[in-house]
């Protein structure tokens, strides 16, 4: 089969990869669409040492697996867990000590004709959700994880820093809570997507220092972190949604003095994400910048790295 293979920070299109053989607890999924996300770009830049097929945002059709799933369109949670470590036993499987992670840690990913995942990771896609839209389930679930970690209400002033792919999803999900929301970014055309949904937006200068209860950093760069930090009132909460290829400097003393709560936020609930897509409460269509066949995957990656580009989808089959 074909696949986009990463090795020594170099990406190549290979056509000689063996189709995986799923173990008894896993299913073989023929990939329909897969989305290029910032984590894929950071892996290519060296964020984490990984060799293999990239990609973890996908929708596909089960070709081998339990009868009730065969020929069903599915999306999949990316963490394949052991089920018996201390995190699995205490209901925290995304932090399984022995996990593999689709396209990120010791498990080939979705930028290929086929992938394997445990059956328990797979979620059928509602019939009214187009396949392109379903590709957004994983990042939408990640956006929803914030609400699993932080209590949000109508009286909370919330700042989202970043108008990229993840920032757009975070903003749409937070807006559903009724909080007083502001989203800041660098690209007026991207912010216009949110303004069309009645979400208040602005550039960095729109942020008032020490005025927000919660800020969510979605840029993955030091400038975005600085904006999110200075926006917080004492005893505010700073949520980090992006991975960073390099290091950032933090004024630890100010975190202590202001008693800031710092939260890392990663994977989230797939059923809730699929429900939002099925009911149209979140609109991802404006986020699709381009679509390319897997055979043009190297160019698609180049495009995805350009400033101002939103989601680039790979059409696999």
C-alpha atoms as a PDB file:
ATOM      1  CA  UNK A   1       0.000   0.000   0.000  1.00  0.00           C
ATOM      2  CA  UNK A   2       0.947   3.680  -0.248  1.00  0.00           C
ATOM      3  CA  UNK A   3       1.767   5.824   2.762  1.00  0.00           C
ATOM      4  CA  UNK A   4       3.516   9.001   3.896  1.00  0.00           C
ATOM      5  CA  UNK A   5       6.541   7.780   5.839  1.00  0.00           C
ATOM      6  CA  UNK A   6       8.526   9.933   8.272  1.00  0.00           C
ATOM      7  CA  UNK A   7      12.115   9.051   9.129  1.00  0.00           C
ATOM      8  CA  UNK A   8      14.904  11.307  10.422  1.00  0.00           C
ATOM      9  CA  UNK A   9      12.577  14.307   9.980  1.00  0.00           C
ATOM     10  CA  UNK A  10      12.261  13.520   6.277  1.00  0.00           C
ATOM     11  CA  UNK A  11       8.878  12.730   4.736  1.00  0.00           C
ATOM     12  CA  UNK A  12       8.535  10.480   1.722  1.00  0.00           C
ATOM     13  CA  UNK A  13       5.736   8.819  -0.226  1.00  0.00           C
ATOM     14  CA  UNK A  14       6.291   5.080  -0.167  1.00  0.00           C
ATOM     15  CA  UNK A  15       4.424   2.545  -2.293  1.00  0.00           C
ATOM     16  CA  UNK A  16       6.011  -0.614  -0.872  1.00  0.00           C
ATOM     17  CA  UNK A  17       4.402  -0.741   2.587  1.00  0.00           C
ATOM     18  CA  UNK A  18       2.722  -3.996   3.565  1.00  0.00           C
ATOM     19  CA  UNK A  19      -0.977  -3.833   4.388  1.00  0.00           C
ATOM     20  CA  UNK A  20      -1.190  -4.365   8.158  1.00  0.00           C
ATOM     21  CA  UNK A  21      -2.573  -7.568   9.627  1.00  0.00           C
ATOM     22  CA  UNK A  22      -4.825  -6.704  12.578  1.00  0.00           C
ATOM     23  CA  UNK A  23      -4.533  -8.795  15.745  1.00  0.00           C
ATOM     24  CA  UNK A  24      -7.726 -10.367  17.085  1.00  0.00           C
ATOM     25  CA  UNK A  25      -8.623  -7.325  19.216  1.00  0.00           C
ATOM     26  CA  UNK A  26      -8.177  -4.833  16.381  1.00  0.00           C
ATOM     27  CA  UNK A  27      -9.867  -3.900  13.108  1.00  0.00           C
ATOM     28  CA  UNK A  28      -8.452  -3.158   9.678  1.00  0.00           C
ATOM     29  CA  UNK A  29      -9.732   0.189   8.433  1.00  0.00           C
ATOM     30  CA  UNK A  30      -9.551   1.410   4.836  1.00  0.00           C
ATOM     31  CA  UNK A  31      -8.905   5.132   5.152  1.00  0.00           C
ATOM     32  CA  UNK A  32     -11.169   7.505   3.217  1.00  0.00           C
ATOM     33  CA  UNK A  33      -9.915  10.905   4.345  1.00  0.00           C
ATOM     34  CA  UNK A  34      -7.213  12.088   6.731  1.00  0.00           C
ATOM     35  CA  UNK A  35      -6.423  15.596   7.939  1.00  0.00           C
ATOM     36  CA  UNK A  36      -2.995  17.175   8.342  1.00  0.00           C
ATOM     37  CA  UNK A  37      -2.741  18.838  11.744  1.00  0.00           C
ATOM     38  CA  UNK A  38      -0.139  20.885  13.596  1.00  0.00           C
ATOM     39  CA  UNK A  39       1.086  17.828  15.510  1.00  0.00           C
ATOM     40  CA  UNK A  40       1.997  16.179  12.184  1.00  0.00           C
ATOM     41  CA  UNK A  41       3.917  19.299  11.192  1.00  0.00           C
ATOM     42  CA  UNK A  42       5.665  19.431  14.574  1.00  0.00           C
ATOM     43  CA  UNK A  43       6.643  15.758  14.297  1.00  0.00           C
ATOM     44  CA  UNK A  44       8.259  16.521  10.970  1.00  0.00           C
ATOM     45  CA  UNK A  45      10.148  19.374  12.654  1.00  0.00           C
ATOM     46  CA  UNK A  46      11.370  17.072  15.415  1.00  0.00           C
ATOM     47  CA  UNK A  47       8.890  17.588  18.247  1.00  0.00           C
ATOM     48  CA  UNK A  48       9.134  13.853  19.007  1.00  0.00           C
ATOM     49  CA  UNK A  49      11.329  11.112  17.613  1.00  0.00           C
ATOM     50  CA  UNK A  50       9.028   9.034  15.425  1.00  0.00           C
ATOM     51  CA  UNK A  51       9.578   6.740  12.466  1.00  0.00           C
ATOM     52  CA  UNK A  52       6.641   5.446  10.469  1.00  0.00           C
ATOM     53  CA  UNK A  53       3.397   6.534   8.834  1.00  0.00           C
ATOM     54  CA  UNK A  54       2.086   9.875  10.074  1.00  0.00           C
ATOM     55  CA  UNK A  55      -1.551  10.924  10.566  1.00  0.00           C
ATOM     56  CA  UNK A  56      -4.185  10.555  13.280  1.00  0.00           C
ATOM     57  CA  UNK A  57      -7.258  12.507  12.110  1.00  0.00           C
ATOM     58  CA  UNK A  58      -9.203  10.159   9.860  1.00  0.00           C
ATOM     59  CA  UNK A  59     -12.438   8.598   8.727  1.00  0.00           C
ATOM     60  CA  UNK A  60     -12.508   5.165   7.126  1.00  0.00           C
ATOM     61  CA  UNK A  61     -14.433   1.969   6.457  1.00  0.00           C
ATOM     62  CA  UNK A  62     -13.892  -1.210   8.468  1.00  0.00           C
ATOM     63  CA  UNK A  63     -12.808  -4.072   6.189  1.00  0.00           C
ATOM     64  CA  UNK A  64     -11.837  -6.637   8.842  1.00  0.00           C
ATOM     65  CA  UNK A  65     -13.208  -6.784  12.357  1.00  0.00           C
ATOM     66  CA  UNK A  66     -16.420  -7.570  14.249  1.00  0.00           C
ATOM     67  CA  UNK A  67     -19.413  -8.217  11.999  1.00  0.00           C
ATOM     68  CA  UNK A  68     -21.329  -5.250  13.403  1.00  0.00           C
ATOM     69  CA  UNK A  69     -18.558  -2.879  12.264  1.00  0.00           C
ATOM     70  CA  UNK A  70     -17.635  -4.349   8.870  1.00  0.00           C
ATOM     71  CA  UNK A  71     -18.494  -1.918   6.045  1.00  0.00           C
ATOM     72  CA  UNK A  72     -19.288   0.816   8.591  1.00  0.00           C
ATOM     73  CA  UNK A  73     -17.722   4.253   8.381  1.00  0.00           C
ATOM     74  CA  UNK A  74     -15.760   4.916  11.554  1.00  0.00           C
ATOM     75  CA  UNK A  75     -13.492   7.411  13.257  1.00  0.00           C
ATOM     76  CA  UNK A  76     -11.000   6.321  15.876  1.00  0.00           C
ATOM     77  CA  UNK A  77      -9.528   7.399  19.189  1.00  0.00           C
ATOM     78  CA  UNK A  78      -5.793   7.572  18.725  1.00  0.00           C
ATOM     79  CA  UNK A  79      -4.521   6.039  22.005  1.00  0.00           C
ATOM     80  CA  UNK A  80      -4.304   2.242  21.991  1.00  0.00           C
ATOM     81  CA  UNK A  81      -4.036   1.264  25.647  1.00  0.00           C
ATOM     82  CA  UNK A  82      -3.003  -1.756  27.715  1.00  0.00           C
ATOM     83  CA  UNK A  83      -6.019  -1.847  30.048  1.00  0.00           C
ATOM     84  CA  UNK A  84      -4.084  -2.858  33.170  1.00  0.00           C
ATOM     85  CA  UNK A  85      -1.674  -0.064  34.130  1.00  0.00           C
ATOM     86  CA  UNK A  86      -2.499   2.355  36.948  1.00  0.00           C
ATOM     87  CA  UNK A  87      -3.939   4.947  34.549  1.00  0.00           C
ATOM     88  CA  UNK A  88      -6.130   2.440  32.727  1.00  0.00           C
ATOM     89  CA  UNK A  89      -7.372   1.034  36.043  1.00  0.00           C
ATOM     90  CA  UNK A  90      -8.328   4.496  37.291  1.00  0.00           C
ATOM     91  CA  UNK A  91     -10.236   5.594  34.193  1.00  0.00           C
ATOM     92  CA  UNK A  92      -7.472   7.684  32.626  1.00  0.00           C
ATOM     93  CA  UNK A  93      -6.610   5.588  29.551  1.00  0.00           C
ATOM     94  CA  UNK A  94      -5.267   8.479  27.460  1.00  0.00           C
ATOM     95  CA  UNK A  95      -2.289   8.459  29.843  1.00  0.00           C
ATOM     96  CA  UNK A  96      -1.752   4.697  29.677  1.00  0.00           C
ATOM     97  CA  UNK A  97       1.886   3.976  30.522  1.00  0.00           C
ATOM     98  CA  UNK A  98       2.116   1.385  27.731  1.00  0.00           C
ATOM     99  CA  UNK A  99       0.040   3.104  25.064  1.00  0.00           C
ATOM    100  CA  UNK A 100       0.786   3.401  21.393  1.00  0.00           C
ATOM    101  CA  UNK A 101      -0.568   6.466  19.621  1.00  0.00           C
ATOM    102  CA  UNK A 102      -1.785   6.486  16.031  1.00  0.00           C
ATOM    103  CA  UNK A 103       0.800   8.148  13.825  1.00  0.00           C
ATOM    104  CA  UNK A 104       2.683   9.538  16.841  1.00  0.00           C
ATOM    105  CA  UNK A 105       4.060   6.813  19.142  1.00  0.00           C
ATOM    106  CA  UNK A 106       4.921   3.268  17.984  1.00  0.00           C
ATOM    107  CA  UNK A 107       1.839   2.832  15.772  1.00  0.00           C
ATOM    108  CA  UNK A 108       1.531   3.546  12.049  1.00  0.00           C
ATOM    109  CA  UNK A 109      -0.947   6.289  11.268  1.00  0.00           C
ATOM    110  CA  UNK A 110      -3.671   7.345   8.867  1.00  0.00           C
ATOM    111  CA  UNK A 111      -1.731   8.779   5.905  1.00  0.00           C
ATOM    112  CA  UNK A 112      -1.911   5.412   4.171  1.00  0.00           C
ATOM    113  CA  UNK A 113      -4.431   3.175   2.454  1.00  0.00           C
ATOM    114  CA  UNK A 114      -5.045   1.161   5.636  1.00  0.00           C
ATOM    115  CA  UNK A 115      -4.561   1.375   9.384  1.00  0.00           C
ATOM    116  CA  UNK A 116      -5.261  -0.812  12.415  1.00  0.00           C
ATOM    117  CA  UNK A 117      -6.809   0.234  15.716  1.00  0.00           C
ATOM    118  CA  UNK A 118      -8.381  -1.627  18.645  1.00  0.00           C
ATOM    119  CA  UNK A 119     -12.079  -2.258  18.099  1.00  0.00           C
ATOM    120  CA  UNK A 120     -12.863  -0.396  21.324  1.00  0.00           C
ATOM    121  CA  UNK A 121     -11.314   2.758  19.835  1.00  0.00           C
ATOM    122  CA  UNK A 122     -13.698   2.909  16.880  1.00  0.00           C
ATOM    123  CA  UNK A 123     -16.880   4.975  16.696  1.00  0.00           C
ATOM    124  CA  UNK A 124     -19.460   4.632  13.884  1.00  0.00           C
ATOM    125  CA  UNK A 125     -20.119   7.860  12.006  1.00  0.00           C
ATOM    126  CA  UNK A 126     -23.764   9.037  11.811  1.00  0.00           C
ATOM    127  CA  UNK A 127     -25.201   8.741   8.307  1.00  0.00           C
ATOM    128  CA  UNK A 128     -25.838  12.479   8.005  1.00  0.00           C
ATOM    129  CA  UNK A 129     -22.194  13.414   8.656  1.00  0.00           C
ATOM    130  CA  UNK A 130     -20.191  13.671   5.397  1.00  0.00           C
ATOM    131  CA  UNK A 131     -16.844  11.890   5.408  1.00  0.00           C
ATOM    132  CA  UNK A 132     -14.898  15.142   5.031  1.00  0.00           C
ATOM    133  CA  UNK A 133     -16.678  16.529   8.084  1.00  0.00           C
ATOM    134  CA  UNK A 134     -16.096  13.344  10.088  1.00  0.00           C
ATOM    135  CA  UNK A 135     -12.347  13.829   9.639  1.00  0.00           C
ATOM    136  CA  UNK A 136     -12.604  16.639  12.202  1.00  0.00           C
ATOM    137  CA  UNK A 137     -13.865  14.356  15.001  1.00  0.00           C
ATOM    138  CA  UNK A 138     -10.487  13.915  16.682  1.00  0.00           C
ATOM    139  CA  UNK A 139      -9.527  17.628  16.871  1.00  0.00           C
ATOM    140  CA  UNK A 140     -13.094  18.560  17.821  1.00  0.00           C
ATOM    141  CA  UNK A 141     -12.955  16.041  20.671  1.00  0.00           C
ATOM    142  CA  UNK A 142      -9.663  17.609  21.749  1.00  0.00           C
ATOM    143  CA  UNK A 143     -11.358  21.005  21.812  1.00  0.00           C
ATOM    144  CA  UNK A 144     -14.162  19.600  23.982  1.00  0.00           C
ATOM    145  CA  UNK A 145     -11.644  18.244  26.483  1.00  0.00           C
ATOM    146  CA  UNK A 146     -11.297  21.769  27.889  1.00  0.00           C
ATOM    147  CA  UNK A 147     -14.847  21.529  29.208  1.00  0.00           C
ATOM    148  CA  UNK A 148     -13.970  18.214  30.864  1.00  0.00           C
ATOM    149  CA  UNK A 149     -11.154  19.933  32.745  1.00  0.00           C
ATOM    150  CA  UNK A 150     -12.470  23.426  33.518  1.00  0.00           C
ATOM    151  CA  UNK A 151     -15.921  24.460  34.752  1.00  0.00           C
ATOM    152  CA  UNK A 152     -17.240  27.179  32.430  1.00  0.00           C
ATOM    153  CA  UNK A 153     -20.304  29.362  32.815  1.00  0.00           C
ATOM    154  CA  UNK A 154     -21.999  32.505  31.564  1.00  0.00           C
ATOM    155  CA  UNK A 155     -20.127  34.666  34.056  1.00  0.00           C
ATOM    156  CA  UNK A 156     -16.667  33.603  32.913  1.00  0.00           C
ATOM    157  CA  UNK A 157     -14.537  35.827  30.704  1.00  0.00           C
ATOM    158  CA  UNK A 158     -12.632  33.530  28.339  1.00  0.00           C
ATOM    159  CA  UNK A 159      -9.877  34.303  25.842  1.00  0.00           C
ATOM    160  CA  UNK A 160      -8.821  32.010  22.995  1.00  0.00           C
ATOM    161  CA  UNK A 161      -5.445  32.871  21.470  1.00  0.00           C
ATOM    162  CA  UNK A 162      -5.064  31.556  17.929  1.00  0.00           C
ATOM    163  CA  UNK A 163      -7.270  31.571  14.846  1.00  0.00           C
ATOM    164  CA  UNK A 164      -5.890  28.386  13.291  1.00  0.00           C
ATOM    165  CA  UNK A 165      -7.534  25.008  12.901  1.00  0.00           C
ATOM    166  CA  UNK A 166      -7.616  24.114  16.587  1.00  0.00           C
ATOM    167  CA  UNK A 167      -8.368  27.641  17.757  1.00  0.00           C
ATOM    168  CA  UNK A 168     -11.419  27.745  15.491  1.00  0.00           C
ATOM    169  CA  UNK A 169     -12.783  24.492  16.946  1.00  0.00           C
ATOM    170  CA  UNK A 170     -12.004  25.527  20.523  1.00  0.00           C
ATOM    171  CA  UNK A 171     -13.796  28.825  19.965  1.00  0.00           C
ATOM    172  CA  UNK A 172     -16.921  27.209  18.519  1.00  0.00           C
ATOM    173  CA  UNK A 173     -17.189  24.704  21.370  1.00  0.00           C
ATOM    174  CA  UNK A 174     -16.579  27.292  24.092  1.00  0.00           C
ATOM    175  CA  UNK A 175     -19.184  29.605  22.562  1.00  0.00           C
ATOM    176  CA  UNK A 176     -21.801  26.916  23.243  1.00  0.00           C
ATOM    177  CA  UNK A 177     -21.266  27.378  27.003  1.00  0.00           C
ATOM    178  CA  UNK A 178     -22.554  30.963  26.909  1.00  0.00           C
ATOM    179  CA  UNK A 179     -19.327  32.361  28.396  1.00  0.00           C
ATOM    180  CA  UNK A 180     -18.108  35.864  27.546  1.00  0.00           C
ATOM    181  CA  UNK A 181     -15.699  34.873  24.788  1.00  0.00           C
ATOM    182  CA  UNK A 182     -13.025  36.722  22.830  1.00  0.00           C
ATOM    183  CA  UNK A 183     -10.870  35.093  20.145  1.00  0.00           C
ATOM    184  CA  UNK A 184      -7.713  36.828  18.957  1.00  0.00           C
ATOM    185  CA  UNK A 185      -5.490  35.977  16.017  1.00  0.00           C
ATOM    186  CA  UNK A 186      -3.403  37.373  13.181  1.00  0.00           C
ATOM    187  CA  UNK A 187      -5.627  36.686  10.179  1.00  0.00           C
ATOM    188  CA  UNK A 188      -8.788  38.701   9.666  1.00  0.00           C
ATOM    189  CA  UNK A 189     -10.088  36.281   7.052  1.00  0.00           C
ATOM    190  CA  UNK A 190      -9.893  33.412   9.547  1.00  0.00           C
ATOM    191  CA  UNK A 191     -11.468  35.451  12.320  1.00  0.00           C
ATOM    192  CA  UNK A 192     -14.314  36.240   9.915  1.00  0.00           C
ATOM    193  CA  UNK A 193     -15.356  32.563  10.098  1.00  0.00           C
ATOM    194  CA  UNK A 194     -16.019  33.020  13.805  1.00  0.00           C
ATOM    195  CA  UNK A 195     -17.568  36.457  13.464  1.00  0.00           C
ATOM    196  CA  UNK A 196     -20.128  34.912  11.105  1.00  0.00           C
ATOM    197  CA  UNK A 197     -21.190  32.704  14.026  1.00  0.00           C
ATOM    198  CA  UNK A 198     -21.585  35.664  16.355  1.00  0.00           C
ATOM    199  CA  UNK A 199     -18.271  35.143  18.184  1.00  0.00           C
ATOM    200  CA  UNK A 200     -16.354  38.267  19.199  1.00  0.00           C
ATOM    201  CA  UNK A 201     -12.869  38.457  17.658  1.00  0.00           C
ATOM    202  CA  UNK A 202      -9.931  40.828  17.438  1.00  0.00           C
ATOM    203  CA  UNK A 203      -6.189  41.186  17.003  1.00  0.00           C
ATOM    204  CA  UNK A 204      -3.707  40.926  19.882  1.00  0.00           C
ATOM    205  CA  UNK A 205      -4.156  44.556  20.862  1.00  0.00           C
ATOM    206  CA  UNK A 206      -7.794  43.805  21.701  1.00  0.00           C
ATOM    207  CA  UNK A 207      -6.636  41.873  24.792  1.00  0.00           C
ATOM    208  CA  UNK A 208      -6.856  43.730  28.096  1.00  0.00           C
ATOM    209  CA  UNK A 209      -4.215  42.587  30.570  1.00  0.00           C
ATOM    210  CA  UNK A 210      -5.377  40.779  33.713  1.00  0.00           C
ATOM    211  CA  UNK A 211      -9.004  40.818  32.594  1.00  0.00           C
ATOM    212  CA  UNK A 212      -9.835  37.173  31.837  1.00  0.00           C
ATOM    213  CA  UNK A 213     -10.744  34.252  34.059  1.00  0.00           C
ATOM    214  CA  UNK A 214      -9.574  31.616  31.578  1.00  0.00           C
ATOM    215  CA  UNK A 215      -7.287  31.811  28.566  1.00  0.00           C
ATOM    216  CA  UNK A 216      -6.704  29.034  26.057  1.00  0.00           C
ATOM    217  CA  UNK A 217      -3.435  29.047  24.101  1.00  0.00           C
ATOM    218  CA  UNK A 218      -3.817  27.457  20.656  1.00  0.00           C
ATOM    219  CA  UNK A 219      -0.863  28.855  18.715  1.00  0.00           C
ATOM    220  CA  UNK A 220       2.029  26.713  19.898  1.00  0.00           C
ATOM    221  CA  UNK A 221       4.396  29.697  19.850  1.00  0.00           C
ATOM    222  CA  UNK A 222       5.940  31.887  22.578  1.00  0.00           C
ATOM    223  CA  UNK A 223       4.082  35.008  21.444  1.00  0.00           C
ATOM    224  CA  UNK A 224       0.721  33.295  21.837  1.00  0.00           C
ATOM    225  CA  UNK A 225       1.709  32.007  25.264  1.00  0.00           C
ATOM    226  CA  UNK A 226       2.711  35.511  26.373  1.00  0.00           C
ATOM    227  CA  UNK A 227      -0.632  36.967  25.272  1.00  0.00           C
ATOM    228  CA  UNK A 228      -2.588  34.216  27.006  1.00  0.00           C
ATOM    229  CA  UNK A 229      -0.595  34.629  30.212  1.00  0.00           C
ATOM    230  CA  UNK A 230      -0.799  38.410  30.497  1.00  0.00           C
ATOM    231  CA  UNK A 231      -4.548  38.314  29.883  1.00  0.00           C
ATOM    232  CA  UNK A 232      -5.228  36.391  33.104  1.00  0.00           C
ATOM    233  CA  UNK A 233      -6.426  37.892  36.346  1.00  0.00           C
ATOM    234  CA  UNK A 234      -4.971  36.516  39.597  1.00  0.00           C
ATOM    235  CA  UNK A 235      -6.152  32.941  40.227  1.00  0.00           C
ATOM    236  CA  UNK A 236      -6.974  32.600  36.549  1.00  0.00           C
ATOM    237  CA  UNK A 237      -6.572  29.406  34.522  1.00  0.00           C
ATOM    238  CA  UNK A 238      -4.247  28.997  31.545  1.00  0.00           C
ATOM    239  CA  UNK A 239      -5.084  26.069  29.247  1.00  0.00           C
ATOM    240  CA  UNK A 240      -2.404  24.882  26.801  1.00  0.00           C
ATOM    241  CA  UNK A 241      -3.833  23.115  23.742  1.00  0.00           C
ATOM    242  CA  UNK A 242      -0.807  23.113  21.420  1.00  0.00           C
ATOM    243  CA  UNK A 243       2.358  21.061  21.267  1.00  0.00           C
ATOM    244  CA  UNK A 244       5.624  23.011  21.030  1.00  0.00           C
ATOM    245  CA  UNK A 245       8.565  21.898  18.895  1.00  0.00           C
ATOM    246  CA  UNK A 246      10.951  24.022  20.954  1.00  0.00           C
ATOM    247  CA  UNK A 247      11.100  25.395  24.482  1.00  0.00           C
ATOM    248  CA  UNK A 248       9.395  28.492  25.845  1.00  0.00           C
ATOM    249  CA  UNK A 249      10.458  30.703  28.729  1.00  0.00           C
ATOM    250  CA  UNK A 250       8.037  31.041  31.646  1.00  0.00           C
ATOM    251  CA  UNK A 251       8.117  33.584  34.445  1.00  0.00           C
ATOM    252  CA  UNK A 252       7.479  31.038  37.176  1.00  0.00           C
ATOM    253  CA  UNK A 253       7.453  33.664  39.916  1.00  0.00           C
ATOM    254  CA  UNK A 254       4.505  35.477  38.353  1.00  0.00           C
ATOM    255  CA  UNK A 255       2.589  32.191  38.171  1.00  0.00           C
ATOM    256  CA  UNK A 256       3.185  31.724  41.881  1.00  0.00           C
ATOM    257  CA  UNK A 257       2.361  35.290  42.896  1.00  0.00           C
ATOM    258  CA  UNK A 258      -0.842  35.365  40.826  1.00  0.00           C
ATOM    259  CA  UNK A 259      -1.692  31.758  41.818  1.00  0.00           C
ATOM    260  CA  UNK A 260      -2.271  30.794  38.200  1.00  0.00           C
ATOM    261  CA  UNK A 261      -3.581  27.319  37.406  1.00  0.00           C
ATOM    262  CA  UNK A 262      -1.759  25.821  34.391  1.00  0.00           C
ATOM    263  CA  UNK A 263      -3.523  22.980  32.553  1.00  0.00           C
ATOM    264  CA  UNK A 264      -2.285  20.872  29.676  1.00  0.00           C
ATOM    265  CA  UNK A 265      -5.143  19.637  27.492  1.00  0.00           C
ATOM    266  CA  UNK A 266      -4.997  16.888  24.903  1.00  0.00           C
ATOM    267  CA  UNK A 267      -7.438  14.185  23.769  1.00  0.00           C
ATOM    268  CA  UNK A 268     -11.176  14.414  24.374  1.00  0.00           C
ATOM    269  CA  UNK A 269     -14.607  12.717  24.066  1.00  0.00           C
ATOM    270  CA  UNK A 270     -15.456  11.307  20.617  1.00  0.00           C
ATOM    271  CA  UNK A 271     -19.208  10.677  21.194  1.00  0.00           C
ATOM    272  CA  UNK A 272     -19.772  14.330  22.126  1.00  0.00           C
ATOM    273  CA  UNK A 273     -17.777  15.495  19.104  1.00  0.00           C
ATOM    274  CA  UNK A 274     -19.766  13.296  16.722  1.00  0.00           C
ATOM    275  CA  UNK A 275     -22.993  14.596  18.248  1.00  0.00           C
ATOM    276  CA  UNK A 276     -21.986  18.205  17.589  1.00  0.00           C
ATOM    277  CA  UNK A 277     -21.120  17.371  13.982  1.00  0.00           C
ATOM    278  CA  UNK A 278     -24.360  15.449  13.462  1.00  0.00           C
ATOM    279  CA  UNK A 279     -26.496  18.285  14.845  1.00  0.00           C
ATOM    280  CA  UNK A 280     -24.594  21.034  13.056  1.00  0.00           C
ATOM    281  CA  UNK A 281     -23.759  22.891  16.267  1.00  0.00           C
ATOM    282  CA  UNK A 282     -20.183  23.143  15.039  1.00  0.00           C
ATOM    283  CA  UNK A 283     -19.433  24.004  11.410  1.00  0.00           C
ATOM    284  CA  UNK A 284     -16.132  22.710  10.054  1.00  0.00           C
ATOM    285  CA  UNK A 285     -16.704  23.165   6.310  1.00  0.00           C
ATOM    286  CA  UNK A 286     -15.177  26.702   6.236  1.00  0.00           C
ATOM    287  CA  UNK A 287     -12.012  25.253   7.782  1.00  0.00           C
ATOM    288  CA  UNK A 288     -11.247  23.009   4.784  1.00  0.00           C
ATOM    289  CA  UNK A 289      -8.604  24.849   2.790  1.00  0.00           C
ATOM    290  CA  UNK A 290      -7.737  22.175   0.216  1.00  0.00           C
ATOM    291  CA  UNK A 291      -8.019  18.484  -0.662  1.00  0.00           C
ATOM    292  CA  UNK A 292      -5.304  16.382  -2.295  1.00  0.00           C
ATOM    293  CA  UNK A 293      -4.955  12.709  -3.189  1.00  0.00           C
ATOM    294  CA  UNK A 294      -2.428  10.739  -1.154  1.00  0.00           C
ATOM    295  CA  UNK A 295      -0.173  10.636  -4.218  1.00  0.00           C
ATOM    296  CA  UNK A 296       0.252  14.415  -3.817  1.00  0.00           C
ATOM    297  CA  UNK A 297       0.757  14.158  -0.078  1.00  0.00           C
ATOM    298  CA  UNK A 298       4.213  15.775  -0.053  1.00  0.00           C
ATOM    299  CA  UNK A 299       2.862  18.894  -1.731  1.00  0.00           C
ATOM    300  CA  UNK A 300      -0.128  18.855   0.634  1.00  0.00           C
ATOM    301  CA  UNK A 301       2.306  18.924   3.573  1.00  0.00           C
ATOM    302  CA  UNK A 302       4.166  21.862   2.063  1.00  0.00           C
ATOM    303  CA  UNK A 303       0.896  23.742   1.679  1.00  0.00           C
ATOM    304  CA  UNK A 304      -0.245  22.904   5.226  1.00  0.00           C
ATOM    305  CA  UNK A 305       2.908  24.559   6.606  1.00  0.00           C
ATOM    306  CA  UNK A 306       2.241  27.899   4.919  1.00  0.00           C
ATOM    307  CA  UNK A 307       1.027  30.779   7.014  1.00  0.00           C
ATOM    308  CA  UNK A 308      -2.709  31.372   6.812  1.00  0.00           C
ATOM    309  CA  UNK A 309      -3.628  27.862   5.616  1.00  0.00           C
ATOM    310  CA  UNK A 310      -6.322  26.039   7.548  1.00  0.00           C
ATOM    311  CA  UNK A 311      -7.110  22.319   7.190  1.00  0.00           C
ATOM    312  CA  UNK A 312      -5.592  20.355   4.329  1.00  0.00           C
ATOM    313  CA  UNK A 313      -7.262  16.990   3.757  1.00  0.00           C
ATOM    314  CA  UNK A 314      -5.767  13.940   2.076  1.00  0.00           C
ATOM    315  CA  UNK A 315      -8.219  11.876   0.050  1.00  0.00           C
ATOM    316  CA  UNK A 316      -6.926   8.358   0.528  1.00  0.00           C
ATOM    317  CA  UNK A 317      -9.470   6.160  -1.238  1.00  0.00           C
END
